[in-house]
PDB file of N, CA and C in Angstrom:
ATOM      1  N   UNK A   1      48.304 -10.999  82.314  1.00  0.00           N
ATOM      2  CA  UNK A   1      49.392 -11.857  81.929  1.00  0.00           C
ATOM      3  C   UNK A   1      49.476 -12.989  82.949  1.00  0.00           C
ATOM      4  N   UNK A   2      49.639 -14.185  82.434  1.00  0.00           N
ATOM      5  CA  UNK A   2      49.793 -15.339  83.314  1.00  0.00           C
ATOM      6  C   UNK A   2      51.270 -15.728  83.371  1.00  0.00           C
ATOM      7  N   UNK A   3      51.600 -16.615  84.288  1.00  0.00           N
ATOM      8  CA  UNK A   3      52.993 -16.977  84.532  1.00  0.00           C
ATOM      9  C   UNK A   3      53.696 -17.472  83.274  1.00  0.00           C
ATOM     10  N   UNK A   4      53.045 -18.309  82.491  1.00  0.00           N
ATOM     11  CA  UNK A   4      53.679 -18.842  81.278  1.00  0.00           C
ATOM     12  C   UNK A   4      53.942 -17.732  80.259  1.00  0.00           C
ATOM     13  N   UNK A   5      53.066 -16.733  80.181  1.00  0.00           N
ATOM     14  CA  UNK A   5      53.299 -15.600  79.281  1.00  0.00           C
ATOM     15  C   UNK A   5      54.496 -14.774  79.755  1.00  0.00           C
ATOM     16  N   UNK A   6      54.626 -14.595  81.065  1.00  0.00           N
ATOM     17  CA  UNK A   6      55.768 -13.880  81.621  1.00  0.00           C
ATOM     18  C   UNK A   6      57.068 -14.597  81.261  1.00  0.00           C
ATOM     19  N   UNK A   7      57.089 -15.906  81.437  1.00  0.00           N
ATOM     20  CA  UNK A   7      58.277 -16.691  81.094  1.00  0.00           C
ATOM     21  C   UNK A   7      58.587 -16.555  79.611  1.00  0.00           C
ATOM     22  N   UNK A   8      57.566 -16.644  78.756  1.00  0.00           N
ATOM     23  CA  UNK A   8      57.778 -16.545  77.312  1.00  0.00           C
ATOM     24  C   UNK A   8      58.315 -15.168  76.925  1.00  0.00           C
ATOM     25  N   UNK A   9      57.793 -14.104  77.522  1.00  0.00           N
ATOM     26  CA  UNK A   9      58.262 -12.752  77.190  1.00  0.00           C
ATOM     27  C   UNK A   9      59.697 -12.512  77.643  1.00  0.00           C
ATOM     28  N   UNK A  10      60.016 -12.967  78.851  1.00  0.00           N
ATOM     29  CA  UNK A  10      61.385 -12.794  79.344  1.00  0.00           C
ATOM     30  C   UNK A  10      62.352 -13.604  78.485  1.00  0.00           C
ATOM     31  N   UNK A  11      61.960 -14.814  78.108  1.00  0.00           N
ATOM     32  CA  UNK A  11      62.809 -15.645  77.253  1.00  0.00           C
ATOM     33  C   UNK A  11      62.985 -15.010  75.879  1.00  0.00           C
ATOM     34  N   UNK A  12      61.933 -14.377  75.349  1.00  0.00           N
ATOM     35  CA  UNK A  12      62.024 -13.715  74.041  1.00  0.00           C
ATOM     36  C   UNK A  12      62.938 -12.491  74.107  1.00  0.00           C
ATOM     37  N   UNK A  13      62.932 -11.777  75.213  1.00  0.00           N
ATOM     38  CA  UNK A  13      63.778 -10.602  75.370  1.00  0.00           C
ATOM     39  C   UNK A  13      65.227 -10.967  75.656  1.00  0.00           C
ATOM     40  N   UNK A  14      65.462 -12.209  76.054  1.00  0.00           N
ATOM     41  CA  UNK A  14      66.813 -12.676  76.371  1.00  0.00           C
ATOM     42  C   UNK A  14      67.085 -13.964  75.601  1.00  0.00           C
ATOM     43  N   UNK A  15      67.346 -13.856  74.292  1.00  0.00           N
ATOM     44  CA  UNK A  15      67.500 -15.069  73.479  1.00  0.00           C
ATOM     45  C   UNK A  15      68.710 -15.920  73.874  1.00  0.00           C
ATOM     46  N   UNK A  16      69.644 -15.363  74.645  1.00  0.00           N
ATOM     47  CA  UNK A  16      70.807 -16.124  75.082  1.00  0.00           C
ATOM     48  C   UNK A  16      70.480 -17.067  76.238  1.00  0.00           C
ATOM     49  N   UNK A  17      69.258 -16.971  76.792  1.00  0.00           N
ATOM     50  CA  UNK A  17      68.832 -17.836  77.889  1.00  0.00           C
ATOM     51  C   UNK A  17      67.845 -18.875  77.379  1.00  0.00           C
ATOM     52  N   UNK A  18      67.924 -20.071  77.940  1.00  0.00           N
ATOM     53  CA  UNK A  18      66.954 -21.107  77.613  1.00  0.00           C
ATOM     54  C   UNK A  18      65.654 -20.827  78.350  1.00  0.00           C
ATOM     55  N   UNK A  19      64.539 -21.200  77.738  1.00  0.00           N
ATOM     56  CA  UNK A  19      63.227 -20.968  78.356  1.00  0.00           C
ATOM     57  C   UNK A  19      63.129 -21.695  79.694  1.00  0.00           C
ATOM     58  N   UNK A  20      63.710 -22.880  79.806  1.00  0.00           N
ATOM     59  CA  UNK A  20      63.631 -23.623  81.078  1.00  0.00           C
ATOM     60  C   UNK A  20      64.403 -22.905  82.182  1.00  0.00           C
ATOM     61  N   UNK A  21      65.503 -22.216  81.809  1.00  0.00           N
ATOM     62  CA  UNK A  21      66.256 -21.449  82.802  1.00  0.00           C
ATOM     63  C   UNK A  21      65.466 -20.226  83.252  1.00  0.00           C
ATOM     64  N   UNK A  22      64.806 -19.571  82.312  1.00  0.00           N
ATOM     65  CA  UNK A  22      63.968 -18.416  82.648  1.00  0.00           C
ATOM     66  C   UNK A  22      62.827 -18.855  83.552  1.00  0.00           C
ATOM     67  N   UNK A  23      62.237 -20.004  83.246  1.00  0.00           N
ATOM     68  CA  UNK A  23      61.150 -20.519  84.072  1.00  0.00           C
ATOM     69  C   UNK A  23      61.641 -20.813  85.492  1.00  0.00           C
ATOM     70  N   UNK A  24      62.841 -21.353  85.611  1.00  0.00           N
ATOM     71  CA  UNK A  24      63.409 -21.636  86.934  1.00  0.00           C
ATOM     72  C   UNK A  24      63.634 -20.349  87.719  1.00  0.00           C
ATOM     73  N   UNK A  25      64.088 -19.290  87.053  1.00  0.00           N
ATOM     74  CA  UNK A  25      64.317 -18.008  87.717  1.00  0.00           C
ATOM     75  C   UNK A  25      62.995 -17.396  88.170  1.00  0.00           C
ATOM     76  N   UNK A  26      61.994 -17.409  87.293  1.00  0.00           N
ATOM     77  CA  UNK A  26      60.678 -16.860  87.646  1.00  0.00           C
ATOM     78  C   UNK A  26      60.095 -17.633  88.831  1.00  0.00           C
ATOM     79  N   UNK A  27      60.202 -18.965  88.791  1.00  0.00           N
ATOM     80  CA  UNK A  27      59.698 -19.779  89.902  1.00  0.00           C
ATOM     81  C   UNK A  27      60.431 -19.454  91.196  1.00  0.00           C
ATOM     82  N   UNK A  28      61.749 -19.278  91.122  1.00  0.00           N
ATOM     83  CA  UNK A  28      62.538 -18.967  92.315  1.00  0.00           C
ATOM     84  C   UNK A  28      62.128 -17.625  92.907  1.00  0.00           C
ATOM     85  N   UNK A  29      61.926 -16.631  92.049  1.00  0.00           N
ATOM     86  CA  UNK A  29      61.513 -15.302  92.528  1.00  0.00           C
ATOM     87  C   UNK A  29      60.147 -15.378  93.201  1.00  0.00           C
ATOM     88  N   UNK A  30      59.192 -16.036  92.558  1.00  0.00           N
ATOM     89  CA  UNK A  30      57.847 -16.145  93.128  1.00  0.00           C
ATOM     90  C   UNK A  30      57.865 -16.952  94.424  1.00  0.00           C
ATOM     91  N   UNK A  31      58.701 -18.000  94.482  1.00  0.00           N
ATOM     92  CA  UNK A  31      58.814 -18.785  95.714  1.00  0.00           C
ATOM     93  C   UNK A  31      59.380 -17.948  96.851  1.00  0.00           C
ATOM     94  N   UNK A  32      60.389 -17.123  96.591  1.00  0.00           N
ATOM     95  CA  UNK A  32      60.987 -16.282  97.631  1.00  0.00           C
ATOM     96  C   UNK A  32      59.976 -15.260  98.129  1.00  0.00           C
ATOM     97  N   UNK A  33      59.198 -14.676  97.213  1.00  0.00           N
ATOM     98  CA  UNK A  33      58.161 -13.716  97.624  1.00  0.00           C
ATOM     99  C   UNK A  33      57.138 -14.419  98.508  1.00  0.00           C
ATOM    100  N   UNK A  34      56.694 -15.600  98.095  1.00  0.00           N
ATOM    101  CA  UNK A  34      55.716 -16.355  98.867  1.00  0.00           C
ATOM    102  C   UNK A  34      56.259 -16.733 100.244  1.00  0.00           C
ATOM    103  N   UNK A  35      57.505 -17.213 100.282  1.00  0.00           N
ATOM    104  CA  UNK A  35      58.117 -17.585 101.561  1.00  0.00           C
ATOM    105  C   UNK A  35      58.195 -16.388 102.509  1.00  0.00           C
ATOM    106  N   UNK A  36      58.573 -15.240 101.979  1.00  0.00           N
ATOM    107  CA  UNK A  36      58.670 -14.044 102.820  1.00  0.00           C
ATOM    108  C   UNK A  36      57.301 -13.661 103.372  1.00  0.00           C
ATOM    109  N   UNK A  37      56.268 -13.729 102.553  1.00  0.00           N
ATOM    110  CA  UNK A  37      54.924 -13.383 103.015  1.00  0.00           C
ATOM    111  C   UNK A  37      54.422 -14.380 104.057  1.00  0.00           C
ATOM    112  N   UNK A  38      54.704 -15.662 103.836  1.00  0.00           N
ATOM    113  CA  UNK A  38      54.294 -16.685 104.805  1.00  0.00           C
ATOM    114  C   UNK A  38      54.956 -16.434 106.155  1.00  0.00           C
ATOM    115  N   UNK A  39      56.206 -15.963 106.138  1.00  0.00           N
ATOM    116  CA  UNK A  39      56.934 -15.687 107.383  1.00  0.00           C
ATOM    117  C   UNK A  39      56.599 -14.319 107.972  1.00  0.00           C
ATOM    118  N   UNK A  40      55.635 -13.619 107.389  1.00  0.00           N
ATOM    119  CA  UNK A  40      55.180 -12.352 107.943  1.00  0.00           C
ATOM    120  C   UNK A  40      55.976 -11.139 107.516  1.00  0.00           C
ATOM    121  N   UNK A  41      56.853 -11.276 106.531  1.00  0.00           N
ATOM    122  CA  UNK A  41      57.658 -10.152 106.068  1.00  0.00           C
ATOM    123  C   UNK A  41      56.937  -9.389 104.955  1.00  0.00           C
ATOM    124  N   UNK A  42      57.368  -8.177 104.748  1.00  0.00           N
ATOM    125  CA  UNK A  42      56.860  -7.326 103.666  1.00  0.00           C
ATOM    126  C   UNK A  42      57.856  -7.411 102.514  1.00  0.00           C
ATOM    127  N   UNK A  43      57.362  -7.489 101.276  1.00  0.00           N
ATOM    128  CA  UNK A  43      58.225  -7.575 100.097  1.00  0.00           C
ATOM    129  C   UNK A  43      58.013  -6.316  99.280  1.00  0.00           C
ATOM    130  N   UNK A  44      59.090  -5.556  99.075  1.00  0.00           N
ATOM    131  CA  UNK A  44      59.004  -4.309  98.312  1.00  0.00           C
ATOM    132  C   UNK A  44      59.874  -4.406  97.075  1.00  0.00           C
ATOM    133  N   UNK A  45      59.275  -4.165  95.923  1.00  0.00           N
ATOM    134  CA  UNK A  45      59.989  -4.114  94.655  1.00  0.00           C
ATOM    135  C   UNK A  45      59.922  -2.668  94.190  1.00  0.00           C
ATOM    136  N   UNK A  46      61.021  -1.948  94.352  1.00  0.00           N
ATOM    137  CA  UNK A  46      61.046  -0.506  94.074  1.00  0.00           C
ATOM    138  C   UNK A  46      60.524  -0.211  92.666  1.00  0.00           C
ATOM    139  N   UNK A  47      59.642   0.760  92.577  1.00  0.00           N
ATOM    140  CA  UNK A  47      59.059   1.166  91.314  1.00  0.00           C
ATOM    141  C   UNK A  47      57.860   0.331  90.913  1.00  0.00           C
ATOM    142  N   UNK A  48      57.751  -0.879  91.450  1.00  0.00           N
ATOM    143  CA  UNK A  48      56.638  -1.763  91.101  1.00  0.00           C
ATOM    144  C   UNK A  48      55.572  -1.718  92.174  1.00  0.00           C
ATOM    145  N   UNK A  49      55.948  -2.072  93.402  1.00  0.00           N
ATOM    146  CA  UNK A  49      54.983  -2.060  94.488  1.00  0.00           C
ATOM    147  C   UNK A  49      55.461  -2.883  95.653  1.00  0.00           C
ATOM    148  N   UNK A  50      54.592  -3.036  96.637  1.00  0.00           N
ATOM    149  CA  UNK A  50      54.931  -3.770  97.850  1.00  0.00           C
ATOM    150  C   UNK A  50      53.818  -4.754  98.179  1.00  0.00           C
ATOM    151  N   UNK A  51      54.227  -5.955  98.574  1.00  0.00           N
ATOM    152  CA  UNK A  51      53.306  -6.986  99.030  1.00  0.00           C
ATOM    153  C   UNK A  51      53.418  -7.076 100.541  1.00  0.00           C
ATOM    154  N   UNK A  52      52.289  -7.173 101.195  1.00  0.00           N
ATOM    155  CA  UNK A  52      52.282  -7.364 102.643  1.00  0.00           C
ATOM    156  C   UNK A  52      51.080  -8.227 102.989  1.00  0.00           C
ATOM    157  N   UNK A  53      51.066  -8.730 104.216  1.00  0.00           N
ATOM    158  CA  UNK A  53      49.941  -9.550 104.639  1.00  0.00           C
ATOM    159  C   UNK A  53      49.046  -8.741 105.564  1.00  0.00           C
ATOM    160  N   UNK A  54      47.796  -9.126 105.598  1.00  0.00           N
ATOM    161  CA  UNK A  54      46.805  -8.430 106.422  1.00  0.00           C
ATOM    162  C   UNK A  54      45.919  -9.491 107.069  1.00  0.00           C
ATOM    163  N   UNK A  55      45.670  -9.330 108.350  1.00  0.00           N
ATOM    164  CA  UNK A  55      44.809 -10.258 109.079  1.00  0.00           C
ATOM    165  C   UNK A  55      43.375  -9.735 109.057  1.00  0.00           C
ATOM    166  N   UNK A  56      42.440 -10.596 108.702  1.00  0.00           N
ATOM    167  CA  UNK A  56      41.032 -10.224 108.797  1.00  0.00           C
ATOM    168  C   UNK A  56      40.428 -10.960 109.987  1.00  0.00           C
ATOM    169  N   UNK A  57      39.531 -10.320 110.665  1.00  0.00           N
ATOM    170  CA  UNK A  57      38.903 -10.900 111.848  1.00  0.00           C
ATOM    171  C   UNK A  57      37.801 -11.872 111.436  1.00  0.00           C
ATOM    172  N   UNK A  58      37.497 -12.802 112.351  1.00  0.00           N
ATOM    173  CA  UNK A  58      36.351 -13.686 112.148  1.00  0.00           C
ATOM    174  C   UNK A  58      35.085 -12.834 112.242  1.00  0.00           C
ATOM    175  N   UNK A  59      34.099 -13.197 111.464  1.00  0.00           N
ATOM    176  CA  UNK A  59      32.868 -12.403 111.468  1.00  0.00           C
ATOM    177  C   UNK A  59      31.695 -13.289 111.100  1.00  0.00           C
ATOM    178  N   UNK A  60      30.505 -12.750 111.290  1.00  0.00           N
ATOM    179  CA  UNK A  60      29.296 -13.446 110.865  1.00  0.00           C
ATOM    180  C   UNK A  60      28.917 -12.922 109.495  1.00  0.00           C
ATOM    181  N   UNK A  61      28.782 -13.825 108.538  1.00  0.00           N
ATOM    182  CA  UNK A  61      28.375 -13.448 107.189  1.00  0.00           C
ATOM    183  C   UNK A  61      26.962 -13.919 106.923  1.00  0.00           C
ATOM    184  N   UNK A  62      26.555 -13.754 105.686  1.00  0.00           N
ATOM    185  CA  UNK A  62      25.195 -14.148 105.315  1.00  0.00           C
ATOM    186  C   UNK A  62      25.245 -14.773 103.939  1.00  0.00           C
ATOM    187  N   UNK A  63      24.580 -15.909 103.800  1.00  0.00           N
ATOM    188  CA  UNK A  63      24.470 -16.549 102.504  1.00  0.00           C
ATOM    189  C   UNK A  63      23.497 -15.723 101.666  1.00  0.00           C
ATOM    190  N   UNK A  64      23.947 -15.148 100.527  1.00  0.00           N
ATOM    191  CA  UNK A  64      23.065 -14.276  99.754  1.00  0.00           C
ATOM    192  C   UNK A  64      21.865 -14.997  99.145  1.00  0.00           C
ATOM    193  N   UNK A  65      21.985 -16.278  98.911  1.00  0.00           N
ATOM    194  CA  UNK A  65      20.882 -17.015  98.296  1.00  0.00           C
ATOM    195  C   UNK A  65      19.794 -17.358  99.303  1.00  0.00           C
ATOM    196  N   UNK A  66      20.201 -17.894 100.470  1.00  0.00           N
ATOM    197  CA  UNK A  66      19.194 -18.346 101.443  1.00  0.00           C
ATOM    198  C   UNK A  66      18.980 -17.343 102.576  1.00  0.00           C
ATOM    199  N   UNK A  67      19.935 -16.448 102.782  1.00  0.00           N
ATOM    200  CA  UNK A  67      19.822 -15.495 103.867  1.00  0.00           C
ATOM    201  C   UNK A  67      20.287 -16.052 105.199  1.00  0.00           C
ATOM    202  N   UNK A  68      20.755 -17.301 105.206  1.00  0.00           N
ATOM    203  CA  UNK A  68      21.206 -17.930 106.442  1.00  0.00           C
ATOM    204  C   UNK A  68      22.514 -17.302 106.912  1.00  0.00           C
ATOM    205  N   UNK A  69      22.675 -17.222 108.237  1.00  0.00           N
ATOM    206  CA  UNK A  69      23.909 -16.685 108.807  1.00  0.00           C
ATOM    207  C   UNK A  69      24.997 -17.747 108.739  1.00  0.00           C
ATOM    208  N   UNK A  70      26.204 -17.300 108.376  1.00  0.00           N
ATOM    209  CA  UNK A  70      27.338 -18.208 108.232  1.00  0.00           C
ATOM    210  C   UNK A  70      28.521 -17.609 108.978  1.00  0.00           C
ATOM    211  N   UNK A  71      29.252 -18.453 109.712  1.00  0.00           N
ATOM    212  CA  UNK A  71      30.448 -17.991 110.415  1.00  0.00           C
ATOM    213  C   UNK A  71      31.609 -17.961 109.416  1.00  0.00           C
ATOM    214  N   UNK A  72      32.223 -16.786 109.244  1.00  0.00           N
ATOM    215  CA  UNK A  72      33.378 -16.632 108.363  1.00  0.00           C
ATOM    216  C   UNK A  72      34.616 -16.578 109.260  1.00  0.00           C
ATOM    217  N   UNK A  73      35.545 -17.534 109.093  1.00  0.00           N
ATOM    218  CA  UNK A  73      36.713 -17.574 109.986  1.00  0.00           C
ATOM    219  C   UNK A  73      37.711 -16.460 109.688  1.00  0.00           C
ATOM    220  N   UNK A  74      38.591 -16.215 110.664  1.00  0.00           N
ATOM    221  CA  UNK A  74      39.679 -15.254 110.468  1.00  0.00           C
ATOM    222  C   UNK A  74      40.629 -15.824 109.425  1.00  0.00           C
ATOM    223  N   UNK A  75      41.286 -14.949 108.674  1.00  0.00           N
ATOM    224  CA  UNK A  75      42.233 -15.417 107.660  1.00  0.00           C
ATOM    225  C   UNK A  75      43.277 -14.357 107.385  1.00  0.00           C
ATOM    226  N   UNK A  76      44.327 -14.785 106.695  1.00  0.00           N
ATOM    227  CA  UNK A  76      45.392 -13.886 106.288  1.00  0.00           C
ATOM    228  C   UNK A  76      45.257 -13.660 104.787  1.00  0.00           C
ATOM    229  N   UNK A  77      45.294 -12.403 104.374  1.00  0.00           N
ATOM    230  CA  UNK A  77      45.217 -12.078 102.958  1.00  0.00           C
ATOM    231  C   UNK A  77      46.457 -11.306 102.540  1.00  0.00           C
ATOM    232  N   UNK A  78      46.714 -11.281 101.243  1.00  0.00           N
ATOM    233  CA  UNK A  78      47.854 -10.539 100.706  1.00  0.00           C
ATOM    234  C   UNK A  78      47.356  -9.196 100.216  1.00  0.00           C
ATOM    235  N   UNK A  79      48.080  -8.150 100.590  1.00  0.00           N
ATOM    236  CA  UNK A  79      47.751  -6.798 100.189  1.00  0.00           C
ATOM    237  C   UNK A  79      48.854  -6.293  99.263  1.00  0.00           C
ATOM    238  N   UNK A  80      48.482  -5.683  98.139  1.00  0.00           N
ATOM    239  CA  UNK A  80      49.464  -5.116  97.220  1.00  0.00           C
ATOM    240  C   UNK A  80      49.254  -3.615  97.146  1.00  0.00           C
ATOM    241  N   UNK A  81      50.338  -2.866  97.321  1.00  0.00           N
ATOM    242  CA  UNK A  81      50.299  -1.412  97.183  1.00  0.00           C
ATOM    243  C   UNK A  81      51.210  -1.050  96.027  1.00  0.00           C
ATOM    244  N   UNK A  82      50.667  -0.395  95.017  1.00  0.00           N
ATOM    245  CA  UNK A  82      51.479  -0.079  93.836  1.00  0.00           C
ATOM    246  C   UNK A  82      52.527   0.978  94.177  1.00  0.00           C
ATOM    247  N   UNK A  83      53.640   0.913  93.458  1.00  0.00           N
ATOM    248  CA  UNK A  83      54.702   1.880  93.648  1.00  0.00           C
ATOM    249  C   UNK A  83      54.447   3.160  92.871  1.00  0.00           C
ATOM    250  N   UNK A  84      55.232   4.172  93.151  1.00  0.00           N
ATOM    251  CA  UNK A  84      55.037   5.469  92.520  1.00  0.00           C
ATOM    252  C   UNK A  84      55.241   5.384  91.008  1.00  0.00           C
ATOM    253  N   UNK A  85      56.289   4.700  90.573  1.00  0.00           N
ATOM    254  CA  UNK A  85      56.555   4.587  89.139  1.00  0.00           C
ATOM    255  C   UNK A  85      55.395   3.916  88.414  1.00  0.00           C
ATOM    256  N   UNK A  86      54.833   2.869  89.007  1.00  0.00           N
ATOM    257  CA  UNK A  86      53.691   2.195  88.378  1.00  0.00           C
ATOM    258  C   UNK A  86      52.486   3.130  88.334  1.00  0.00           C
ATOM    259  N   UNK A  87      52.246   3.854  89.419  1.00  0.00           N
ATOM    260  CA  UNK A  87      51.114   4.787  89.446  1.00  0.00           C
ATOM    261  C   UNK A  87      51.245   5.825  88.345  1.00  0.00           C
ATOM    262  N   UNK A  88      52.445   6.379  88.187  1.00  0.00           N
ATOM    263  CA  UNK A  88      52.673   7.402  87.160  1.00  0.00           C
ATOM    264  C   UNK A  88      52.467   6.809  85.775  1.00  0.00           C
ATOM    265  N   UNK A  89      53.021   5.623  85.531  1.00  0.00           N
ATOM    266  CA  UNK A  89      52.893   5.002  84.205  1.00  0.00           C
ATOM    267  C   UNK A  89      51.455   4.628  83.889  1.00  0.00           C
ATOM    268  N   UNK A  90      50.697   4.184  84.900  1.00  0.00           N
ATOM    269  CA  UNK A  90      49.309   3.803  84.671  1.00  0.00           C
ATOM    270  C   UNK A  90      48.423   5.012  84.397  1.00  0.00           C
ATOM    271  N   UNK A  91      48.770   6.152  84.974  1.00  0.00           N
ATOM    272  CA  UNK A  91      47.902   7.319  84.867  1.00  0.00           C
ATOM    273  C   UNK A  91      48.324   8.331  83.818  1.00  0.00           C
ATOM    274  N   UNK A  92      49.422   8.087  83.118  1.00  0.00           N
ATOM    275  CA  UNK A  92      49.793   9.050  82.081  1.00  0.00           C
ATOM    276  C   UNK A  92      48.888   8.852  80.873  1.00  0.00           C
ATOM    277  N   UNK A  93      48.633   9.932  80.135  1.00  0.00           N
ATOM    278  CA  UNK A  93      47.732   9.827  78.990  1.00  0.00           C
ATOM    279  C   UNK A  93      48.333   8.945  77.902  1.00  0.00           C
ATOM    280  N   UNK A  94      47.452   8.250  77.189  1.00  0.00           N
ATOM    281  CA  UNK A  94      47.882   7.407  76.081  1.00  0.00           C
ATOM    282  C   UNK A  94      48.321   8.295  74.928  1.00  0.00           C
ATOM    283  N   UNK A  95      49.436   7.924  74.311  1.00  0.00           N
ATOM    284  CA  UNK A  95      49.985   8.712  73.213  1.00  0.00           C
ATOM    285  C   UNK A  95      49.977   7.849  71.955  1.00  0.00           C
ATOM    286  N   UNK A  96      49.527   8.422  70.866  1.00  0.00           N
ATOM    287  CA  UNK A  96      49.545   7.719  69.587  1.00  0.00           C
ATOM    288  C   UNK A  96      50.988   7.512  69.153  1.00  0.00           C
ATOM    289  N   UNK A  97      51.302   6.419  68.455  1.00  0.00           N
ATOM    290  CA  UNK A  97      52.680   6.169  68.028  1.00  0.00           C
ATOM    291  C   UNK A  97      53.282   7.294  67.194  1.00  0.00           C
ATOM    292  N   UNK A  98      52.456   7.928  66.348  1.00  0.00           N
ATOM    293  CA  UNK A  98      52.964   9.020  65.518  1.00  0.00           C
ATOM    294  C   UNK A  98      53.364  10.218  66.387  1.00  0.00           C
ATOM    295  N   UNK A  99      52.531  10.514  67.392  1.00  0.00           N
ATOM    296  CA  UNK A  99      52.839  11.620  68.299  1.00  0.00           C
ATOM    297  C   UNK A  99      54.105  11.340  69.092  1.00  0.00           C
ATOM    298  N   UNK A 100      54.275  10.090  69.512  1.00  0.00           N
ATOM    299  CA  UNK A 100      55.468   9.721  70.262  1.00  0.00           C
ATOM    300  C   UNK A 100      56.713   9.861  69.387  1.00  0.00           C
ATOM    301  N   UNK A 101      56.625   9.453  68.121  1.00  0.00           N
ATOM    302  CA  UNK A 101      57.758   9.570  67.200  1.00  0.00           C
ATOM    303  C   UNK A 101      58.118  11.038  66.981  1.00  0.00           C
ATOM    304  N   UNK A 102      57.106  11.892  66.797  1.00  0.00           N
ATOM    305  CA  UNK A 102      57.360  13.327  66.617  1.00  0.00           C
ATOM    306  C   UNK A 102      58.016  13.930  67.862  1.00  0.00           C
ATOM    307  N   UNK A 103      57.543  13.523  69.047  1.00  0.00           N
ATOM    308  CA  UNK A 103      58.114  14.029  70.284  1.00  0.00           C
ATOM    309  C   UNK A 103      59.578  13.633  70.405  1.00  0.00           C
ATOM    310  N   UNK A 104      59.870  12.395  70.055  1.00  0.00           N
ATOM    311  CA  UNK A 104      61.248  11.925  70.140  1.00  0.00           C
ATOM    312  C   UNK A 104      62.152  12.647  69.135  1.00  0.00           C
ATOM    313  N   UNK A 105      61.614  12.936  67.938  1.00  0.00           N
ATOM    314  CA  UNK A 105      62.411  13.640  66.929  1.00  0.00           C
ATOM    315  C   UNK A 105      62.695  15.070  67.389  1.00  0.00           C
ATOM    316  N   UNK A 106      61.685  15.715  68.003  1.00  0.00           N
ATOM    317  CA  UNK A 106      61.880  17.075  68.490  1.00  0.00           C
ATOM    318  C   UNK A 106      62.888  17.116  69.635  1.00  0.00           C
ATOM    319  N   UNK A 107      62.930  16.083  70.430  1.00  0.00           N
ATOM    320  CA  UNK A 107      63.841  16.034  71.575  1.00  0.00           C
ATOM    321  C   UNK A 107      65.293  15.852  71.143  1.00  0.00           C
ATOM    322  N   UNK A 108      65.512  15.302  69.949  1.00  0.00           N
ATOM    323  CA  UNK A 108      66.888  15.041  69.486  1.00  0.00           C
ATOM    324  C   UNK A 108      67.594  16.296  69.028  1.00  0.00           C
TER     325      UNK A 108
END
């Protein structure tokens, strides 16, 4: 899913909101996450996951085409660790719609 699809889905689920307002909210959330990471903070969204930064050291690499040695500089990367709820939802078995309907009827 790309950012515009996220905005469209949130706007569709909330017809009382204008799409431009939803886009402004999504942009604000992403900007706050980015600002926190730039400032070295960890961002945790319960049930979804946590974003943190990781420093990689400078190293000597190799150009795969020519085999020449290349200096790779140190850099900061973003690390994402999925939350427990996401892990459970991703790893549960897929259920056919008919089976899900039967399960829900039995539960009632």
